[in-house]
Amino acid sequence: MTEQQEAMVNEQEQTQTEEIQNAPVRVNINDLPALSCRNCGQAMWQQAYIIKRIGPTQSPTKREEHITVPVLVCVVCRTPLMTFELQAQQAEMAQMDAEMAAQPQEPVPDISPEPAAPVPPIQEPPAPQLDQPPQAQRPIVPTQNQG
């Protein structure tokens, strides 16, 4: 095949690829199967989050950090929707956690700021004594001036 023929074939393939990529996608959502829970068979899902821990040795700040991973959970039994990617990610994270646990950890230097001066406690007024009856007040009687 000559260079000119190769160029024509490449151009045709590129044109076909662009036509496929630019073609509108026509999908009837009603024809698509619903994903059902592997535990209870329910097809309703709710978004939740898995919190992952990043150890100080992996963190750029050298402190323990946490990240959130959005997942879908069944609204009935709360079982997470396990896609192949999520299963692979969880297996990889478990392997990393096991490797980290096997490695000796070097102490992380404490770079926290100095604590602020302690705040004095608020003094509350004395509570009224309930075991004694209130003192009776003498009535005020107006006096007449004798002049």
N, C-alpha and C. Protein backbone atom coordinates (compact mmCIF):
# COMPACT_ATOMS: atom_id res chain seq x y z
N MET A 1 0.86 -1.17 0.00
CA MET A 1 0.00 0.00 0.00
C MET A 1 0.90 1.23 0.00
N THR A 2 0.56 2.18 -0.83
CA THR A 2 1.38 3.38 -0.94
C THR A 2 1.01 4.35 0.16
N GLU A 3 1.84 5.34 0.30
CA GLU A 3 1.58 6.35 1.34
C GLU A 3 0.29 7.09 1.07
N GLN A 4 0.02 7.33 -0.22
CA GLN A 4 -1.20 8.06 -0.58
C GLN A 4 -2.44 7.22 -0.24
N GLN A 5 -2.37 5.91 -0.48
CA GLN A 5 -3.49 5.05 -0.16
C GLN A 5 -3.69 4.96 1.36
N GLU A 6 -2.59 4.87 2.11
CA GLU A 6 -2.67 4.84 3.57
C GLU A 6 -3.29 6.12 4.12
N ALA A 7 -2.90 7.25 3.54
CA ALA A 7 -3.47 8.53 3.98
C ALA A 7 -4.96 8.57 3.71
N MET A 8 -5.41 8.04 2.56
CA MET A 8 -6.84 8.03 2.23
C MET A 8 -7.61 7.12 3.20
N VAL A 9 -7.02 5.95 3.50
CA VAL A 9 -7.68 5.03 4.42
C VAL A 9 -7.78 5.66 5.81
N ASN A 10 -6.70 6.28 6.28
CA ASN A 10 -6.72 6.95 7.59
C ASN A 10 -7.74 8.06 7.62
N GLU A 11 -7.85 8.81 6.53
CA GLU A 11 -8.83 9.91 6.46
C GLU A 11 -10.25 9.36 6.50
N GLN A 12 -10.49 8.26 5.80
CA GLN A 12 -11.82 7.66 5.80
C GLN A 12 -12.18 7.13 7.20
N GLU A 13 -11.21 6.48 7.84
CA GLU A 13 -11.45 5.98 9.19
C GLU A 13 -11.73 7.11 10.16
N GLN A 14 -10.98 8.21 10.03
CA GLN A 14 -11.19 9.36 10.90
C GLN A 14 -12.56 9.97 10.66
N THR A 15 -12.98 10.06 9.41
CA THR A 15 -14.30 10.61 9.08
C THR A 15 -15.40 9.73 9.67
N GLN A 16 -15.25 8.40 9.53
CA GLN A 16 -16.24 7.48 10.10
C GLN A 16 -16.30 7.60 11.61
N THR A 17 -15.16 7.72 12.26
CA THR A 17 -15.10 7.86 13.72
C THR A 17 -15.80 9.13 14.15
N GLU A 18 -15.56 10.24 13.44
CA GLU A 18 -16.20 11.52 13.78
C GLU A 18 -17.71 11.43 13.59
N GLU A 19 -18.17 10.74 12.52
CA GLU A 19 -19.60 10.60 12.29
C GLU A 19 -20.26 9.80 13.42
N ILE A 20 -19.57 8.76 13.87
CA ILE A 20 -20.12 7.94 14.96
C ILE A 20 -20.16 8.75 16.26
N GLN A 21 -19.10 9.52 16.52
CA GLN A 21 -19.05 10.30 17.76
C GLN A 21 -20.07 11.43 17.76
N ASN A 22 -20.36 12.00 16.60
CA ASN A 22 -21.28 13.13 16.51
C ASN A 22 -22.73 12.70 16.29
N ALA A 23 -22.98 11.40 16.08
CA ALA A 23 -24.34 10.92 15.85
C ALA A 23 -25.14 11.05 17.14
N PRO A 24 -26.40 11.51 17.05
CA PRO A 24 -27.21 11.60 18.27
C PRO A 24 -27.54 10.21 18.80
N VAL A 25 -27.54 10.09 20.11
CA VAL A 25 -27.84 8.82 20.75
C VAL A 25 -29.34 8.77 20.97
N ARG A 26 -29.95 7.71 20.48
CA ARG A 26 -31.40 7.55 20.65
C ARG A 26 -31.63 6.31 21.50
N VAL A 27 -31.96 6.56 22.76
CA VAL A 27 -32.20 5.47 23.70
C VAL A 27 -33.53 5.71 24.37
N ASN A 28 -34.38 4.70 24.38
CA ASN A 28 -35.64 4.79 25.10
C ASN A 28 -35.38 4.25 26.50
N ILE A 29 -35.45 5.12 27.48
CA ILE A 29 -35.14 4.74 28.86
C ILE A 29 -36.05 3.62 29.36
N ASN A 30 -37.28 3.59 28.87
CA ASN A 30 -38.22 2.56 29.31
C ASN A 30 -37.79 1.16 28.86
N ASP A 31 -36.96 1.08 27.81
CA ASP A 31 -36.50 -0.22 27.32
C ASP A 31 -35.28 -0.75 28.06
N LEU A 32 -34.65 0.09 28.88
CA LEU A 32 -33.44 -0.31 29.58
C LEU A 32 -33.79 -1.08 30.85
N PRO A 33 -33.00 -2.11 31.19
CA PRO A 33 -33.29 -2.85 32.42
C PRO A 33 -32.86 -2.03 33.65
N ALA A 34 -33.60 -2.17 34.73
CA ALA A 34 -33.25 -1.50 35.99
C ALA A 34 -32.26 -2.37 36.75
N LEU A 35 -31.35 -1.73 37.46
CA LEU A 35 -30.41 -2.46 38.31
C LEU A 35 -31.12 -2.78 39.62
N SER A 36 -31.13 -4.05 39.97
CA SER A 36 -31.80 -4.49 41.19
C SER A 36 -30.77 -4.83 42.26
N CYS A 37 -31.19 -4.67 43.50
CA CYS A 37 -30.33 -4.99 44.64
C CYS A 37 -30.06 -6.49 44.67
N ARG A 38 -28.81 -6.87 44.85
CA ARG A 38 -28.44 -8.29 44.88
C ARG A 38 -28.94 -8.96 46.15
N ASN A 39 -29.30 -8.16 47.17
CA ASN A 39 -29.72 -8.72 48.45
C ASN A 39 -31.24 -8.90 48.52
N CYS A 40 -32.00 -7.85 48.14
CA CYS A 40 -33.46 -7.92 48.31
C CYS A 40 -34.25 -7.80 47.00
N GLY A 41 -33.58 -7.47 45.88
CA GLY A 41 -34.26 -7.38 44.60
C GLY A 41 -34.90 -6.04 44.31
N GLN A 42 -34.86 -5.12 45.24
CA GLN A 42 -35.45 -3.78 45.07
C GLN A 42 -34.66 -3.01 44.00
N ALA A 43 -35.33 -2.12 43.27
CA ALA A 43 -34.67 -1.36 42.21
C ALA A 43 -34.60 0.13 42.53
N MET A 44 -34.80 0.52 43.77
CA MET A 44 -34.73 1.93 44.16
C MET A 44 -33.43 2.15 44.93
N TRP A 45 -32.72 3.24 44.58
CA TRP A 45 -31.41 3.51 45.15
C TRP A 45 -31.35 4.91 45.71
N GLN A 46 -30.46 5.11 46.65
CA GLN A 46 -30.26 6.40 47.30
C GLN A 46 -28.76 6.65 47.38
N GLN A 47 -28.35 7.92 47.23
CA GLN A 47 -26.92 8.21 47.30
C GLN A 47 -26.45 8.27 48.75
N ALA A 48 -25.30 7.67 49.01
CA ALA A 48 -24.66 7.69 50.33
C ALA A 48 -23.17 7.89 50.08
N TYR A 49 -22.39 7.92 51.14
CA TYR A 49 -20.96 8.15 51.00
C TYR A 49 -20.16 7.14 51.81
N ILE A 50 -19.05 6.69 51.24
CA ILE A 50 -18.06 5.89 51.96
C ILE A 50 -16.94 6.85 52.30
N ILE A 51 -16.49 6.82 53.54
CA ILE A 51 -15.39 7.70 53.95
C ILE A 51 -14.13 6.87 53.98
N LYS A 52 -13.14 7.33 53.23
CA LYS A 52 -11.86 6.62 53.13
C LYS A 52 -10.81 7.40 53.92
N ARG A 53 -9.93 6.64 54.59
CA ARG A 53 -8.87 7.25 55.37
C ARG A 53 -7.58 7.24 54.57
N ILE A 54 -6.90 8.39 54.55
CA ILE A 54 -5.58 8.50 53.95
C ILE A 54 -4.60 8.63 55.10
N GLY A 55 -3.69 7.69 55.21
CA GLY A 55 -2.72 7.68 56.30
C GLY A 55 -1.70 8.79 56.15
N PRO A 56 -1.02 9.14 57.22
CA PRO A 56 -0.04 10.22 57.19
C PRO A 56 1.10 9.97 56.21
N THR A 57 1.44 8.71 55.98
CA THR A 57 2.55 8.43 55.05
C THR A 57 2.15 8.65 53.60
N GLN A 58 0.87 8.60 53.29
CA GLN A 58 0.40 8.81 51.92
C GLN A 58 -0.10 10.22 51.68
N SER A 59 -0.41 10.92 52.74
CA SER A 59 -0.99 12.25 52.63
C SER A 59 0.08 13.29 52.30
N PRO A 60 -0.23 14.24 51.42
CA PRO A 60 0.75 15.29 51.12
C PRO A 60 1.01 16.22 52.31
N THR A 61 0.07 16.30 53.23
CA THR A 61 0.24 17.15 54.41
C THR A 61 0.89 16.40 55.57
N LYS A 62 1.13 15.11 55.38
CA LYS A 62 1.71 14.25 56.41
C LYS A 62 0.81 14.12 57.63
N ARG A 63 -0.47 14.34 57.44
CA ARG A 63 -1.47 14.15 58.50
C ARG A 63 -2.54 13.20 57.97
N GLU A 64 -3.22 12.54 58.87
CA GLU A 64 -4.31 11.67 58.46
C GLU A 64 -5.43 12.52 57.87
N GLU A 65 -5.96 12.09 56.73
CA GLU A 65 -7.04 12.82 56.09
C GLU A 65 -8.14 11.85 55.71
N HIS A 66 -9.29 12.38 55.35
CA HIS A 66 -10.42 11.56 54.95
C HIS A 66 -10.99 12.10 53.64
N ILE A 67 -11.42 11.19 52.77
CA ILE A 67 -12.09 11.59 51.54
C ILE A 67 -13.43 10.85 51.48
N THR A 68 -14.37 11.44 50.78
CA THR A 68 -15.68 10.81 50.65
C THR A 68 -15.83 10.27 49.23
N VAL A 69 -16.40 9.07 49.13
CA VAL A 69 -16.66 8.42 47.85
C VAL A 69 -18.16 8.21 47.75
N PRO A 70 -18.82 8.84 46.75
CA PRO A 70 -20.27 8.64 46.63
C PRO A 70 -20.59 7.24 46.14
N VAL A 71 -21.60 6.62 46.72
CA VAL A 71 -22.07 5.29 46.32
C VAL A 71 -23.59 5.30 46.34
N LEU A 72 -24.18 4.30 45.69
CA LEU A 72 -25.63 4.12 45.73
C LEU A 72 -25.94 2.96 46.66
N VAL A 73 -26.94 3.14 47.53
CA VAL A 73 -27.36 2.07 48.43
C VAL A 73 -28.85 1.82 48.24
N CYS A 74 -29.24 0.58 48.46
CA CYS A 74 -30.64 0.19 48.34
C CYS A 74 -31.47 0.92 49.41
N VAL A 75 -32.63 1.44 49.01
CA VAL A 75 -33.45 2.17 49.98
C VAL A 75 -34.12 1.24 50.98
N VAL A 76 -34.20 -0.06 50.69
CA VAL A 76 -34.86 -1.00 51.59
C VAL A 76 -33.87 -1.60 52.58
N CYS A 77 -32.79 -2.21 52.06
CA CYS A 77 -31.89 -2.95 52.95
C CYS A 77 -30.53 -2.28 53.12
N ARG A 78 -30.31 -1.13 52.49
CA ARG A 78 -29.07 -0.32 52.61
C ARG A 78 -27.84 -1.05 52.07
N THR A 79 -28.00 -2.07 51.21
CA THR A 79 -26.87 -2.75 50.60
C THR A 79 -26.31 -1.86 49.49
N PRO A 80 -25.00 -1.65 49.45
CA PRO A 80 -24.44 -0.79 48.39
C PRO A 80 -24.50 -1.48 47.03
N LEU A 81 -24.67 -0.68 46.00
CA LEU A 81 -24.62 -1.17 44.62
C LEU A 81 -23.16 -1.44 44.31
N MET A 82 -22.82 -2.68 44.11
CA MET A 82 -21.42 -3.06 43.89
C MET A 82 -21.15 -3.18 42.40
N THR A 83 -20.56 -2.15 41.83
CA THR A 83 -20.13 -2.22 40.46
C THR A 83 -18.73 -2.81 40.45
N PHE A 84 -18.28 -3.24 39.29
CA PHE A 84 -16.95 -3.84 39.21
C PHE A 84 -15.88 -2.84 39.61
N GLU A 85 -16.07 -1.57 39.26
CA GLU A 85 -15.08 -0.56 39.61
C GLU A 85 -15.00 -0.38 41.12
N LEU A 86 -16.16 -0.36 41.78
CA LEU A 86 -16.17 -0.18 43.22
C LEU A 86 -15.56 -1.39 43.92
N GLN A 87 -15.85 -2.59 43.43
CA GLN A 87 -15.26 -3.79 44.02
C GLN A 87 -13.75 -3.77 43.86
N ALA A 88 -13.27 -3.37 42.67
CA ALA A 88 -11.82 -3.31 42.44
C ALA A 88 -11.18 -2.26 43.34
N GLN A 89 -11.86 -1.12 43.48
CA GLN A 89 -11.32 -0.04 44.33
C GLN A 89 -11.26 -0.49 45.78
N GLN A 90 -12.29 -1.15 46.27
CA GLN A 90 -12.29 -1.60 47.65
C GLN A 90 -11.21 -2.65 47.88
N ALA A 91 -10.99 -3.54 46.90
CA ALA A 91 -9.94 -4.54 47.04
C ALA A 91 -8.57 -3.87 47.06
N GLU A 92 -8.40 -2.86 46.21
CA GLU A 92 -7.12 -2.13 46.17
C GLU A 92 -6.87 -1.39 47.47
N MET A 93 -7.91 -0.74 48.01
CA MET A 93 -7.76 -0.01 49.27
C MET A 93 -7.46 -0.97 50.42
N ALA A 94 -8.08 -2.14 50.41
CA ALA A 94 -7.81 -3.12 51.46
C ALA A 94 -6.37 -3.61 51.39
N GLN A 95 -5.87 -3.79 50.16
CA GLN A 95 -4.49 -4.21 50.00
C GLN A 95 -3.54 -3.11 50.48
N MET A 96 -3.83 -1.86 50.14
CA MET A 96 -2.99 -0.75 50.58
C MET A 96 -3.00 -0.64 52.10
N ASP A 97 -4.18 -0.81 52.71
CA ASP A 97 -4.27 -0.75 54.17
C ASP A 97 -3.43 -1.86 54.81
N ALA A 98 -3.48 -3.06 54.21
CA ALA A 98 -2.70 -4.18 54.75
C ALA A 98 -1.20 -3.91 54.62
N GLU A 99 -0.80 -3.33 53.48
CA GLU A 99 0.62 -2.99 53.30
C GLU A 99 1.07 -1.93 54.29
N MET A 100 0.22 -0.93 54.51
CA MET A 100 0.56 0.13 55.46
C MET A 100 0.67 -0.42 56.88
N ALA A 101 -0.21 -1.34 57.23
CA ALA A 101 -0.18 -1.90 58.58
C ALA A 101 1.09 -2.73 58.78
N ALA A 102 1.60 -3.34 57.70
CA ALA A 102 2.79 -4.17 57.81
C ALA A 102 4.07 -3.33 57.90
N GLN A 103 4.04 -2.10 57.40
CA GLN A 103 5.23 -1.25 57.42
C GLN A 103 5.37 -0.57 58.78
N PRO A 104 6.62 -0.45 59.25
CA PRO A 104 6.80 0.30 60.51
C PRO A 104 6.50 1.78 60.26
N GLN A 105 5.79 2.37 61.17
CA GLN A 105 5.40 3.77 61.04
C GLN A 105 6.41 4.64 61.76
N GLU A 106 6.90 5.66 61.07
CA GLU A 106 7.78 6.61 61.75
C GLU A 106 6.90 7.68 62.38
N PRO A 107 7.31 8.17 63.52
CA PRO A 107 6.46 9.15 64.21
C PRO A 107 6.33 10.43 63.38
N VAL A 108 5.15 10.97 63.40
CA VAL A 108 4.87 12.21 62.69
C VAL A 108 5.14 13.36 63.66
N PRO A 109 5.96 14.33 63.24
CA PRO A 109 6.23 15.44 64.16
C PRO A 109 4.97 16.24 64.42
N ASP A 110 4.84 16.68 65.66
CA ASP A 110 3.69 17.48 66.04
C ASP A 110 3.94 18.92 65.63
N ILE A 111 3.18 19.40 64.66
CA ILE A 111 3.34 20.78 64.19
C ILE A 111 2.08 21.59 64.49
N SER A 112 1.32 21.13 65.47
CA SER A 112 0.09 21.84 65.81
C SER A 112 0.45 23.16 66.52
N PRO A 113 -0.39 24.18 66.36
CA PRO A 113 -0.10 25.46 67.01
C PRO A 113 -0.21 25.36 68.52
N GLU A 114 0.42 26.32 69.19
CA GLU A 114 0.36 26.36 70.66
C GLU A 114 -1.09 26.55 71.09
N PRO A 115 -1.49 25.88 72.16
CA PRO A 115 -2.88 26.06 72.61
C PRO A 115 -3.09 27.48 73.16
N ALA A 116 -4.27 27.98 72.97
CA ALA A 116 -4.62 29.30 73.47
C ALA A 116 -4.73 29.26 74.99
N ALA A 117 -4.66 30.43 75.59
CA ALA A 117 -4.79 30.52 77.05
C ALA A 117 -6.16 30.01 77.45
N PRO A 118 -6.23 29.31 78.58
CA PRO A 118 -7.54 28.78 78.99
C PRO A 118 -8.51 29.90 79.32
N VAL A 119 -9.74 29.68 78.97
CA VAL A 119 -10.80 30.65 79.23
C VAL A 119 -11.33 30.38 80.63
N PRO A 120 -11.44 31.41 81.49
CA PRO A 120 -11.95 31.17 82.84
C PRO A 120 -13.40 30.72 82.78
N PRO A 121 -13.79 29.86 83.68
CA PRO A 121 -15.18 29.39 83.65
C PRO A 121 -16.15 30.51 84.01
N ILE A 122 -17.32 30.40 83.48
CA ILE A 122 -18.37 31.39 83.77
C ILE A 122 -18.92 31.10 85.16
N GLN A 123 -18.99 32.16 85.98
CA GLN A 123 -19.51 31.97 87.32
C GLN A 123 -21.02 32.20 87.29
N GLU A 124 -21.72 31.21 87.73
CA GLU A 124 -23.17 31.30 87.73
C GLU A 124 -23.63 31.89 89.06
N PRO A 125 -24.76 32.61 89.04
CA PRO A 125 -25.28 33.16 90.30
C PRO A 125 -25.70 32.02 91.21
N PRO A 126 -25.66 32.25 92.52
CA PRO A 126 -26.04 31.17 93.44
C PRO A 126 -27.50 30.78 93.23
N ALA A 127 -27.76 29.51 93.34
CA ALA A 127 -29.12 29.01 93.16
C ALA A 127 -29.95 29.37 94.39
N PRO A 128 -31.23 29.68 94.19
CA PRO A 128 -32.08 30.00 95.35
C PRO A 128 -32.25 28.76 96.23
N GLN A 129 -32.32 29.01 97.52
CA GLN A 129 -32.50 27.90 98.46
C GLN A 129 -33.99 27.61 98.57
N LEU A 130 -34.36 26.42 98.26
CA LEU A 130 -35.77 26.06 98.22
C LEU A 130 -36.27 25.44 99.52
N ASP A 131 -35.36 25.13 100.44
CA ASP A 131 -35.80 24.47 101.67
C ASP A 131 -36.33 25.45 102.71
N GLN A 132 -36.15 26.75 102.52
CA GLN A 132 -36.67 27.74 103.46
C GLN A 132 -37.79 28.53 102.79
N PRO A 133 -38.87 28.81 103.57
CA PRO A 133 -39.97 29.60 102.97
C PRO A 133 -39.50 31.03 102.75
N PRO A 134 -40.07 31.70 101.78
CA PRO A 134 -39.67 33.10 101.54
C PRO A 134 -40.05 33.96 102.74
N GLN A 135 -39.25 34.98 103.02
CA GLN A 135 -39.50 35.85 104.16
C GLN A 135 -40.70 36.76 103.85
N ALA A 136 -41.53 36.92 104.86
CA ALA A 136 -42.70 37.78 104.70
C ALA A 136 -42.25 39.23 104.71
N GLN A 137 -42.84 40.00 103.83
CA GLN A 137 -42.50 41.42 103.80
C GLN A 137 -43.51 42.18 104.64
N ARG A 138 -43.01 43.18 105.36
CA ARG A 138 -43.90 44.03 106.15
C ARG A 138 -44.63 44.96 105.21
N PRO A 139 -45.92 45.14 105.44
CA PRO A 139 -46.66 46.07 104.57
C PRO A 139 -46.17 47.50 104.81
N ILE A 140 -46.17 48.26 103.76
CA ILE A 140 -45.78 49.67 103.86
C ILE A 140 -47.04 50.47 104.18
N VAL A 141 -46.97 51.17 105.30
CA VAL A 141 -48.12 51.96 105.74
C VAL A 141 -47.75 53.43 105.58
N PRO A 142 -48.57 54.17 104.85
CA PRO A 142 -48.24 55.60 104.70
C PRO A 142 -48.38 56.33 106.05
N THR A 143 -47.51 57.24 106.33
CA THR A 143 -47.57 58.04 107.56
C THR A 143 -48.01 59.45 107.22
N GLN A 144 -48.69 60.07 108.16
CA GLN A 144 -49.12 61.43 107.95
C GLN A 144 -48.13 62.37 108.61
N ASN A 145 -47.82 63.41 107.94
CA ASN A 145 -46.93 64.45 108.49
C ASN A 145 -47.75 65.37 109.40
N GLN A 146 -47.25 65.55 110.57
CA GLN A 146 -47.92 66.49 111.45
C GLN A 146 -47.09 67.76 111.43
N GLY A 147 -47.70 68.74 111.05
CA GLY A 147 -46.92 69.89 110.87
C GLY A 147 -47.09 71.04 111.58
